[in-house]
Amino acid sequence: MKDVIKSLIALKQSEIPFNVIERDIKLPIDRKKIITIPGVRRCGKSTLMEIAINTLVEGGVLRDNILWLGFDDERLKNMTTEELDMVIVSYMEMFPDIPIKDVYLFFDEIQLIKDWEYFVLRVYKSYCKNIFVCGSNATMLSSALSSALRGYPLEYETYPLSFNEYCRFKNVTTNSYLEQDKARLRRAFELYNEGSAFPEVVLTASISEQLKLLHGYFDTMLLKDLAEHYNISNTSVVRYFVKRILANLTKPTSINAIYKDIKSQGLKVGKDDLYLWANYVCDIFLFSRIPKYNRSLIKQQHSLDKYYCIDNGLRGAVLMPQSNDNGKKLENTVFMQLNRIKQPSDSITYYQDAGECDFVIQRNERVIQLIQATWDMSDESTREREVSGILEASRATGCDQLFIVTKDEEGIIRREGKQIYTVPAWKWLLMNN
């Protein structure tokens, strides 16, 4: 085992500096904390660690002082918690003259090893304060993890590319006032909203190859992250369940209604299982969900949740193109950006009573912003529905920061003494980066 570990460490060191495209998020490199980087698989967590290593090396840290180990290597598959100590021993045998306290430790997909957090805490307390860990399961975010690591970790949850990052990957200028550059931005947004934001997919030119990658991601999430990790044997029903949530994206979703639908088809599954699965699909970062806004926390907890998918392209590959889907995709894009930029004290809900408002942004106890996302308001009935919904939400929440994000409309709608700002999606995404 030690020989395998040593070869993996040496191989990664030989690749430094890494050839990577910068991301907007930067990991701190001298906080003397355990830095955890959770997120959906293939979104670029490992790349963030590689960017951090490049920064360290540029600052004078020698590559020999970098210990990187990826636990998704099949040769480490059956590694036990006790055997994790061999990682430190192997490195010390390779570099006996380097104090372990001066080493930067990068552990990729370490959550695959049971009880890994106790090993990391022991190393942190006894040997080294420079520890970075990333993984694809929400146990990386759990309160149990924080308890085990006793408040030491700093979390940097990672997502597929933002629109700003997408433009960087596609060499599209985002800070130009030239009309031709604005036209390129509009076109880039349409492609971004329609397609995938997973880095590898964005850098793949062939549509067929993109679809192959996305189907591979989805199957791995479904079969490995979901079924295998949570010991679910009924994979065909799981697949149908996930597709039902994907199809109902951006709408309040009744797990009970899905249960009745599955039962009507003669398929066997327990209702409690479906509620567990609804938690699991969020645990693996495939979905995020938001409750209905209500001043009563109890009533809010009993509302139907809305689900949003980690990636429009992934959803499109699984369901195949749906007609009149631009509005759903735009709402999903807006939600994903709100989720990226929200502060720890922020919460996102939706408003629904006589009218509807897509997003209620609350900071601590105060609602600070209301947002509608709609593809096109040229139809008068659509415009009236969006405007009346956000105004009703404004009256209910006391918030006057009102925005409607559309494909390309820009201006101010004045109603009831209030101003509603309409903003093109490409501009809103770059403003809220």
Protein backbone atom coordinates (compact mmCIF):
# COMPACT_ATOMS: atom_id res chain seq x y z
CA MET A 1 0.00 0.00 0.00
CA LYS A 2 2.82 2.42 0.85
CA ASP A 3 4.37 1.96 -2.58
CA VAL A 4 1.04 2.86 -4.21
CA ILE A 5 0.69 5.96 -2.04
CA LYS A 6 4.24 7.08 -2.80
CA SER A 7 3.77 6.67 -6.54
CA LEU A 8 0.53 8.67 -6.46
CA ILE A 9 2.18 11.49 -4.47
CA ALA A 10 5.16 11.58 -6.86
CA LEU A 11 2.94 11.52 -9.94
CA LYS A 12 0.91 14.50 -8.77
CA GLN A 13 4.03 16.46 -7.83
CA SER A 14 5.40 15.89 -11.35
CA GLU A 15 2.35 17.68 -12.81
CA ILE A 16 2.97 20.93 -10.89
CA PRO A 17 2.35 23.66 -12.01
CA PHE A 18 -1.06 22.59 -13.28
CA ASN A 19 -2.48 23.80 -16.58
CA VAL A 20 -5.86 25.09 -15.40
CA ILE A 21 -8.26 27.95 -16.14
CA GLU A 22 -8.82 30.30 -13.21
CA ARG A 23 -12.11 30.21 -11.32
CA ASP A 24 -13.78 33.13 -9.54
CA ILE A 25 -13.59 31.44 -6.15
CA LYS A 26 -10.16 31.28 -4.52
CA LEU A 27 -9.23 29.01 -1.63
CA PRO A 28 -7.34 30.62 1.26
CA ILE A 29 -3.84 29.17 1.51
CA ASP A 30 -2.62 30.37 4.91
CA ARG A 31 -5.64 30.33 7.21
CA LYS A 32 -4.31 27.42 9.31
CA LYS A 33 -7.75 25.84 9.08
CA ILE A 34 -9.08 22.63 7.57
CA ILE A 35 -10.43 23.81 4.21
CA THR A 36 -13.33 21.65 2.98
CA ILE A 37 -14.51 21.89 -0.64
CA PRO A 38 -17.83 20.08 -1.09
CA GLY A 39 -19.83 20.04 -4.32
CA VAL A 40 -21.34 17.94 -7.07
CA ARG A 41 -18.89 15.62 -8.86
CA ARG A 42 -17.10 17.05 -11.92
CA CYS A 43 -17.81 20.69 -11.00
CA GLY A 44 -14.13 21.61 -10.52
CA LYS A 45 -13.35 20.98 -6.86
CA SER A 46 -10.01 19.35 -7.67
CA THR A 47 -9.20 22.25 -10.00
CA LEU A 48 -9.70 24.71 -7.12
CA MET A 49 -7.09 22.79 -5.15
CA GLU A 50 -4.75 22.76 -8.17
CA ILE A 51 -5.16 26.55 -8.50
CA ALA A 52 -4.28 26.87 -4.79
CA ILE A 53 -1.16 24.75 -5.36
CA ASN A 54 -0.12 26.93 -8.32
CA THR A 55 -0.47 29.98 -6.06
CA LEU A 56 1.66 28.34 -3.37
CA VAL A 57 4.41 27.41 -5.84
CA GLU A 58 4.36 30.91 -7.35
CA GLY A 59 4.87 32.18 -3.80
CA GLY A 60 7.98 30.06 -3.31
CA VAL A 61 6.66 26.78 -1.85
CA LEU A 62 8.59 23.82 -3.28
CA ARG A 63 6.63 21.09 -5.06
CA ASP A 64 8.17 18.55 -2.65
CA ASN A 65 6.17 20.29 0.08
CA ILE A 66 2.90 19.33 -1.65
CA LEU A 67 1.18 16.08 -0.67
CA TRP A 68 -1.82 15.32 -2.91
CA LEU A 69 -3.71 12.04 -2.70
CA GLY A 70 -6.87 11.15 -4.65
CA PHE A 71 -8.87 8.48 -2.86
CA ASP A 72 -10.93 7.67 -5.95
CA ASP A 73 -7.96 5.62 -7.25
CA GLU A 74 -9.16 2.01 -7.37
CA ARG A 75 -6.01 0.82 -5.58
CA LEU A 76 -7.12 2.75 -2.47
CA LYS A 77 -10.72 1.56 -2.70
CA ASN A 78 -10.59 -0.76 0.33
CA MET A 79 -8.42 1.45 2.48
CA THR A 80 -9.43 1.51 6.15
CA THR A 81 -9.34 4.41 8.58
CA GLU A 82 -6.37 2.80 10.37
CA GLU A 83 -4.45 2.59 7.09
CA LEU A 84 -4.81 6.34 6.51
CA ASP A 85 -1.83 6.84 8.80
CA MET A 86 0.27 5.29 6.03
CA VAL A 87 -0.31 8.44 3.97
CA ILE A 88 1.74 10.52 6.42
CA VAL A 89 4.30 7.74 6.98
CA SER A 90 4.79 7.27 3.22
CA TYR A 91 5.38 10.98 2.67
CA MET A 92 7.86 11.17 5.56
CA GLU A 93 9.78 8.25 4.09
CA MET A 94 9.92 10.04 0.72
CA PHE A 95 11.02 13.37 2.20
CA PRO A 96 12.62 12.72 5.62
CA ASP A 97 14.19 16.20 5.75
CA ILE A 98 10.93 18.14 5.31
CA PRO A 99 9.07 18.87 8.57
CA ILE A 100 5.48 17.68 8.16
CA LYS A 101 4.23 20.98 9.64
CA ASP A 102 5.58 22.74 6.51
CA VAL A 103 3.71 20.45 4.11
CA TYR A 104 0.44 21.32 2.35
CA LEU A 105 -1.93 18.35 2.39
CA PHE A 106 -4.56 17.96 -0.36
CA PHE A 107 -7.00 15.06 -0.02
CA ASP A 108 -9.30 14.51 -3.03
CA GLU A 109 -12.58 12.53 -2.58
CA ILE A 110 -11.47 11.51 0.92
CA GLN A 111 -15.10 10.97 1.95
CA LEU A 112 -14.83 7.56 0.26
CA ILE A 113 -12.92 6.39 3.35
CA LYS A 114 -15.17 5.73 6.33
CA ASP A 115 -14.52 7.97 9.36
CA TRP A 116 -11.92 9.98 7.43
CA GLU A 117 -12.71 13.08 9.49
CA TYR A 118 -11.07 11.63 12.62
CA PHE A 119 -7.84 11.04 10.70
CA VAL A 120 -7.91 14.61 9.35
CA LEU A 121 -8.55 16.04 12.82
CA ARG A 122 -5.68 14.01 14.30
CA VAL A 123 -3.29 15.18 11.60
CA TYR A 124 -4.45 18.78 12.04
CA LYS A 125 -4.00 18.74 15.81
CA SER A 126 -0.71 16.80 15.89
CA TYR A 127 1.19 17.42 12.66
CA CYS A 128 0.05 20.00 10.12
CA LYS A 129 -2.32 22.98 9.88
CA ASN A 130 -2.38 23.17 6.05
CA ILE A 131 -5.13 20.71 5.09
CA PHE A 132 -7.49 20.83 2.09
CA VAL A 133 -10.19 18.20 1.52
CA CYS A 134 -12.82 17.91 -1.19
CA GLY A 135 -15.68 15.51 -1.86
CA SER A 136 -18.94 14.92 -3.69
CA ASN A 137 -21.26 14.05 -0.82
CA ALA A 138 -23.12 16.41 1.46
CA THR A 139 -21.63 14.69 4.52
CA MET A 140 -18.87 17.18 3.71
CA LEU A 141 -21.36 19.86 4.77
CA SER A 142 -23.07 18.04 7.60
CA SER A 143 -23.41 19.16 11.19
CA ALA A 144 -21.92 15.78 12.16
CA LEU A 145 -18.75 16.70 10.27
CA SER A 146 -18.55 20.08 11.98
CA SER A 147 -19.00 18.33 15.30
CA ALA A 148 -16.31 15.75 14.53
CA LEU A 149 -13.87 18.44 13.37
CA ARG A 150 -14.84 20.65 16.33
CA GLY A 151 -15.37 23.84 14.43
CA TYR A 152 -12.01 23.77 12.65
CA PRO A 153 -13.16 23.57 9.01
CA LEU A 154 -13.87 26.44 6.62
CA GLU A 155 -16.28 25.42 3.83
CA TYR A 156 -16.05 26.53 0.20
CA GLU A 157 -18.96 24.85 -1.56
CA THR A 158 -18.29 24.63 -5.29
CA TYR A 159 -20.65 24.66 -8.27
CA PRO A 160 -20.46 24.28 -12.04
CA LEU A 161 -19.32 27.42 -13.86
CA SER A 162 -20.96 30.77 -13.24
CA PHE A 163 -21.76 32.83 -16.33
CA ASN A 164 -18.66 34.95 -15.71
CA GLU A 165 -16.51 31.81 -15.55
CA TYR A 166 -18.26 30.36 -18.63
CA CYS A 167 -17.30 33.49 -20.57
CA ARG A 168 -13.70 33.12 -19.39
CA PHE A 169 -13.66 29.48 -20.59
CA LYS A 170 -15.14 30.59 -23.94
CA ASN A 171 -12.90 33.68 -24.32
CA VAL A 172 -15.89 36.04 -24.34
CA THR A 173 -15.13 39.58 -23.12
CA THR A 174 -17.35 40.63 -20.20
CA ASN A 175 -16.15 44.19 -19.53
CA SER A 176 -16.53 45.83 -22.95
CA TYR A 177 -18.98 48.57 -23.95
CA LEU A 178 -18.67 47.80 -27.66
CA GLU A 179 -21.96 46.73 -29.22
CA GLN A 180 -20.44 43.70 -30.95
CA ASP A 181 -19.11 42.45 -27.61
CA LYS A 182 -22.53 42.90 -26.03
CA ALA A 183 -24.00 40.86 -28.86
CA ARG A 184 -21.49 38.10 -28.13
CA LEU A 185 -22.46 38.24 -24.46
CA ARG A 186 -26.14 37.86 -25.31
CA ARG A 187 -25.38 34.86 -27.49
CA ALA A 188 -23.08 33.38 -24.85
CA PHE A 189 -25.86 33.69 -22.28
CA GLU A 190 -28.33 31.85 -24.50
CA LEU A 191 -25.85 28.99 -24.91
CA TYR A 192 -25.07 29.03 -21.18
CA ASN A 193 -28.74 28.96 -20.21
CA GLU A 194 -29.49 26.21 -22.72
CA GLY A 195 -26.48 23.99 -22.10
CA SER A 196 -24.22 22.65 -19.40
CA ALA A 197 -21.90 24.57 -17.08
CA PHE A 198 -19.77 21.57 -16.08
CA PRO A 199 -16.18 22.62 -16.96
CA GLU A 200 -15.28 19.52 -18.97
CA VAL A 201 -18.49 19.75 -20.99
CA VAL A 202 -17.99 23.47 -21.70
CA LEU A 203 -14.53 22.70 -23.10
CA THR A 204 -15.86 19.88 -25.30
CA ALA A 205 -16.83 21.03 -28.79
CA SER A 206 -18.75 17.95 -29.98
CA ILE A 207 -22.45 17.89 -29.00
CA SER A 208 -22.48 14.09 -29.03
CA GLU A 209 -19.45 14.01 -26.72
CA GLN A 210 -21.13 16.52 -24.40
CA LEU A 211 -24.22 14.33 -24.16
CA LYS A 212 -22.07 11.27 -23.52
CA LEU A 213 -20.31 13.07 -20.66
CA LEU A 214 -23.57 14.29 -19.14
CA HIS A 215 -25.21 10.86 -19.31
CA GLY A 216 -22.09 9.46 -17.65
CA TYR A 217 -22.27 12.05 -14.88
CA PHE A 218 -25.96 11.33 -14.30
CA ASP A 219 -25.52 7.55 -14.19
CA THR A 220 -22.61 7.86 -11.75
CA MET A 221 -24.60 10.18 -9.48
CA LEU A 222 -27.59 7.84 -9.63
CA LEU A 223 -25.85 4.49 -9.30
CA LYS A 224 -22.76 5.33 -7.23
CA ASP A 225 -23.51 8.47 -5.22
CA LEU A 226 -27.17 7.63 -4.60
CA ALA A 227 -27.93 3.90 -4.91
CA GLU A 228 -24.60 2.49 -3.78
CA HIS A 229 -23.87 5.04 -1.06
CA TYR A 230 -27.35 4.82 0.48
CA ASN A 231 -27.86 1.10 -0.17
CA ILE A 232 -30.83 1.50 -2.52
CA SER A 233 -31.48 -1.58 -4.66
CA ASN A 234 -34.57 -0.30 -6.51
CA THR A 235 -32.57 1.70 -9.07
CA SER A 236 -35.26 1.75 -11.80
CA VAL A 237 -37.74 3.44 -9.44
CA VAL A 238 -35.01 5.83 -8.24
CA ARG A 239 -34.35 6.80 -11.85
CA TYR A 240 -38.05 7.45 -12.47
CA PHE A 241 -38.33 9.42 -9.22
CA VAL A 242 -35.40 11.67 -10.16
CA LYS A 243 -36.83 12.24 -13.64
CA ARG A 244 -40.18 13.27 -12.14
CA ILE A 245 -38.46 15.94 -10.04
CA LEU A 246 -36.47 17.08 -13.08
CA ALA A 247 -39.67 17.42 -15.10
CA ASN A 248 -41.35 19.42 -12.33
CA LEU A 249 -38.40 21.78 -11.93
CA THR A 250 -39.20 25.26 -10.51
CA LYS A 251 -42.71 24.22 -9.41
CA PRO A 252 -43.87 23.20 -5.91
CA THR A 253 -43.32 19.44 -5.85
CA SER A 254 -45.46 16.98 -3.92
CA ILE A 255 -43.52 13.84 -3.01
CA ASN A 256 -46.88 12.29 -2.03
CA ALA A 257 -48.22 12.90 -5.57
CA ILE A 258 -45.15 11.19 -7.05
CA TYR A 259 -45.71 8.28 -4.65
CA LYS A 260 -49.31 7.86 -5.85
CA ASP A 261 -48.16 7.99 -9.47
CA ILE A 262 -45.54 5.29 -8.88
CA LYS A 263 -48.04 3.09 -7.03
CA SER A 264 -50.58 3.47 -9.84
CA GLN A 265 -48.02 1.95 -12.20
CA GLY A 266 -47.76 -1.14 -10.03
CA LEU A 267 -44.25 -0.31 -8.82
CA LYS A 268 -43.34 -1.09 -5.23
CA VAL A 269 -41.84 1.62 -3.06
CA GLY A 270 -42.58 2.99 0.39
CA LYS A 271 -43.68 6.60 0.82
CA ASP A 272 -41.10 7.10 3.55
CA ASP A 273 -38.43 5.88 1.13
CA LEU A 274 -39.37 8.62 -1.34
CA TYR A 275 -39.05 11.29 1.34
CA LEU A 276 -35.61 9.91 2.20
CA TRP A 277 -34.65 9.87 -1.47
CA ALA A 278 -35.74 13.52 -1.75
CA ASN A 279 -33.16 14.28 0.95
CA TYR A 280 -30.51 12.12 -0.68
CA VAL A 281 -30.75 13.77 -4.13
CA CYS A 282 -29.97 17.07 -2.38
CA ASP A 283 -27.20 15.43 -0.32
CA ILE A 284 -25.36 14.49 -3.52
CA PHE A 285 -25.83 18.07 -4.84
CA LEU A 286 -27.99 16.97 -7.79
CA PHE A 287 -30.81 19.22 -6.53
CA SER A 288 -31.32 22.15 -4.19
CA ARG A 289 -34.73 22.97 -2.78
CA ILE A 290 -36.41 25.98 -1.26
CA PRO A 291 -39.56 26.25 0.88
CA LYS A 292 -42.51 28.61 0.53
CA TYR A 293 -42.04 31.96 2.28
CA ASN A 294 -44.02 32.26 5.49
CA ARG A 295 -43.47 34.36 8.58
CA SER A 296 -44.38 31.24 10.57
CA LEU A 297 -41.46 28.82 10.55
CA ILE A 298 -43.79 25.90 11.32
CA LYS A 299 -46.03 26.66 8.33
CA GLN A 300 -42.96 27.16 6.14
CA GLN A 301 -41.66 23.70 7.08
CA HIS A 302 -44.98 22.13 6.05
CA SER A 303 -45.08 23.77 2.61
CA LEU A 304 -44.27 22.07 -0.68
CA ASP A 305 -40.67 22.65 -1.72
CA LYS A 306 -39.49 23.82 -5.12
CA TYR A 307 -36.56 21.88 -6.57
CA TYR A 308 -33.74 23.27 -8.72
CA CYS A 309 -31.21 21.21 -10.66
CA ILE A 310 -27.44 21.63 -10.41
CA ASP A 311 -27.14 22.03 -14.20
CA ASN A 312 -29.52 22.83 -17.07
CA GLY A 313 -27.50 20.77 -19.53
CA LEU A 314 -27.63 17.70 -17.29
CA ARG A 315 -31.40 18.01 -17.04
CA GLY A 316 -31.72 18.48 -20.80
CA ALA A 317 -29.59 15.41 -21.51
CA VAL A 318 -31.71 13.24 -19.21
CA LEU A 319 -35.15 14.49 -20.26
CA MET A 320 -34.24 15.46 -23.84
CA PRO A 321 -35.32 18.89 -25.13
CA GLN A 322 -38.67 20.07 -23.80
CA SER A 323 -40.84 22.66 -25.57
CA ASN A 324 -41.36 26.04 -23.89
CA ASP A 325 -38.57 25.27 -21.44
CA ASN A 326 -36.62 28.54 -21.68
CA GLY A 327 -38.45 30.04 -18.72
CA LYS A 328 -37.69 27.06 -16.47
CA LYS A 329 -34.06 27.10 -17.51
CA LEU A 330 -33.77 30.83 -16.82
CA GLU A 331 -35.34 30.44 -13.38
CA ASN A 332 -32.97 27.58 -12.65
CA THR A 333 -29.99 29.68 -13.83
CA VAL A 334 -31.05 32.59 -11.61
CA PHE A 335 -31.47 30.29 -8.62
CA MET A 336 -28.05 28.71 -9.13
CA GLN A 337 -26.43 32.15 -9.15
CA LEU A 338 -28.34 33.23 -6.04
CA ASN A 339 -27.15 30.04 -4.34
CA ARG A 340 -23.53 30.76 -5.34
CA ILE A 341 -23.48 34.28 -3.93
CA LYS A 342 -25.65 33.96 -0.85
CA GLN A 343 -24.13 34.77 2.52
CA PRO A 344 -24.30 32.40 5.51
CA SER A 345 -27.11 34.47 7.03
CA ASP A 346 -29.18 34.44 3.79
CA SER A 347 -32.13 32.22 3.00
CA ILE A 348 -33.98 31.78 -0.29
CA THR A 349 -37.71 31.01 -0.41
CA TYR A 350 -40.54 31.47 -2.90
CA TYR A 351 -43.73 33.48 -2.41
CA GLN A 352 -47.14 32.06 -3.29
CA ASP A 353 -50.59 33.28 -2.39
CA ALA A 354 -53.00 34.88 -4.86
CA GLY A 355 -49.91 35.72 -6.92
CA GLU A 356 -46.42 34.26 -7.09
CA CYS A 357 -42.86 35.55 -6.81
CA ASP A 358 -40.00 33.23 -7.71
CA PHE A 359 -37.43 34.26 -5.11
CA VAL A 360 -37.61 35.93 -1.71
CA ILE A 361 -34.09 36.72 -0.46
CA GLN A 362 -33.95 37.09 3.30
CA ARG A 363 -30.93 38.18 5.35
CA ASN A 364 -31.37 37.27 8.98
CA GLU A 365 -34.92 38.48 9.73
CA ARG A 366 -35.23 41.03 6.91
CA VAL A 367 -36.31 40.41 3.31
CA ILE A 368 -33.75 42.30 1.22
CA GLN A 369 -34.77 41.46 -2.35
CA LEU A 370 -37.57 40.01 -4.47
CA ILE A 371 -36.83 38.50 -7.88
CA GLN A 372 -38.95 37.20 -10.73
CA ALA A 373 -37.36 35.23 -13.57
CA THR A 374 -39.29 35.18 -16.85
CA TRP A 375 -38.00 34.61 -20.37
CA ASP A 376 -40.24 37.07 -22.21
CA MET A 377 -42.79 39.69 -21.07
CA SER A 378 -43.92 40.88 -24.50
CA ASP A 379 -47.28 39.19 -23.90
CA GLU A 380 -49.40 41.56 -21.81
CA SER A 381 -50.96 38.85 -19.65
CA THR A 382 -47.50 37.49 -18.81
CA ARG A 383 -46.27 40.98 -17.91
CA GLU A 384 -49.28 41.57 -15.68
CA ARG A 385 -48.83 38.22 -13.92
CA GLU A 386 -45.14 38.85 -13.18
CA VAL A 387 -45.67 42.44 -12.07
CA SER A 388 -48.72 41.77 -9.89
CA GLY A 389 -46.99 38.76 -8.30
CA ILE A 390 -43.89 40.70 -7.26
CA LEU A 391 -46.00 43.62 -6.00
CA GLU A 392 -48.10 41.28 -3.87
CA ALA A 393 -44.91 39.75 -2.46
CA SER A 394 -43.63 43.28 -1.80
CA ARG A 395 -46.71 44.12 0.23
CA ALA A 396 -46.50 40.85 2.17
CA THR A 397 -42.78 41.12 2.98
CA GLY A 398 -42.26 44.87 3.20
CA CYS A 399 -39.44 44.69 0.65
CA ASP A 400 -39.12 47.32 -2.10
CA GLN A 401 -36.00 46.00 -3.87
CA LEU A 402 -37.82 44.48 -6.83
CA PHE A 403 -36.24 42.87 -9.91
CA ILE A 404 -37.52 40.99 -12.92
CA VAL A 405 -34.80 39.09 -14.81
CA THR A 406 -35.65 38.45 -18.48
CA LYS A 407 -33.89 37.33 -21.64
CA ASP A 408 -33.21 40.87 -22.90
CA GLU A 409 -35.65 43.49 -21.54
CA GLU A 410 -34.20 46.42 -19.60
CA GLY A 411 -35.99 49.31 -17.94
CA ILE A 412 -38.07 50.39 -14.96
CA ILE A 413 -41.74 49.57 -14.38
CA ARG A 414 -43.43 52.05 -12.04
CA ARG A 415 -46.50 50.79 -10.21
CA GLU A 416 -48.13 51.56 -6.86
CA GLY A 417 -45.39 54.07 -6.07
CA LYS A 418 -42.73 51.38 -6.45
CA GLN A 419 -39.99 50.77 -9.01
CA ILE A 420 -39.50 47.33 -10.54
CA TYR A 421 -36.20 46.98 -12.36
CA THR A 422 -36.21 44.74 -15.42
CA VAL A 423 -32.72 43.43 -16.19
CA PRO A 424 -31.36 41.28 -19.05
CA ALA A 425 -30.20 37.96 -17.64
CA TRP A 426 -26.64 38.25 -18.98
CA LYS A 427 -26.23 41.62 -17.28
CA TRP A 428 -27.85 40.47 -14.01
CA LEU A 429 -25.56 37.43 -13.84
CA LEU A 430 -22.44 39.55 -14.29
CA MET A 431 -23.67 42.18 -11.79
CA ASN A 432 -24.37 39.48 -9.19
CA ASN A 433 -21.13 37.55 -9.48
